[in-house]
């Protein structure tokens, strides 16, 4: 299908001709996810990105939900009377009052009174996370990039930049009496100051062997030597934008990559309970410390400083 977009001049773009199913009947099966009873979304089960969402949002799998704030599938919708726009000279997009088509990475987003719809054939997790955050904020919660633990019923929030050592720190904390795992990467914080767990899979690297010896004790896929772990990780970061265009390949690499093992929290912490939520008691922004001391260094900051760090850390990661 060809759409004519205009903003003084006529611009023609070729859009997929496949209908999205909204006019001809919804697909018969979806993966449904209930985010702590606050919000819900669904992913078309036959789509290439379904396995990724099923893995990453495994704790929230549900059935029989009646309303969805976000629907994710591959097939596109018509974008009628679209206007043309350009973002920082990097990507073209076409939009109207109801939706937008972004040429790179070839996705559509629609918003109306029924909710948000995300369409595309790439690995849509990066596009979906800010949409999920937006929806959760509308319902009184926010999505954060942080490690979280439950200490005797008190929620401890520990945001950190990627690569700081959240997974390593988690191993040491959970071995300490009184601590329970909540999440090592993502969490939700409600308006009432409650931390909500997000027990998604952990990605265990070769250098985690001494911290998680039981995961290396049995037969597992071969992993690269520790010395190559960080160089390979940097290479992975560079090629990730290209791999995400092919979700089936990305899923295969995620499962069989020699750089890491993807394990569920109950496998990583077999003797520790998994906490689903606790009132927020403290927030500690974790950063690497350069020095000879092995003792942690604490610096007290105000709430505005922490809020700025939380927002910046989420959107940069």
Foldseek 3Di string as FASTA:
>chain_A
DWAWEDDPDTDIDDDDPDAPQPVPHDDPDWFKFQDVVQFIEIERCPALQRVVCCQQQVVGTDPDDDAHQEYEYADDHDAHHWHWDDDPNPWIKTHDPFKIAIVVVGKIWGQDPRHIYIHHRFNCPVVVQVRVQVSSVVRFKGKFFFFWKAFQQAIETEHEAPPQQQVVVVLVQQVDPRIFGQDSTMWMAGNQQKIFGRQHWDWAFPVCCVSQVVVVPDDDAAADDPVCLVVVVVVCVVCVSVRRNHSNSVVVCQPRPNGTHTGTPCNRCVPHDHDGMHHHDYYHYDHDDDDDDPDDDDDDDDPVVVVVVRVVNGVVD
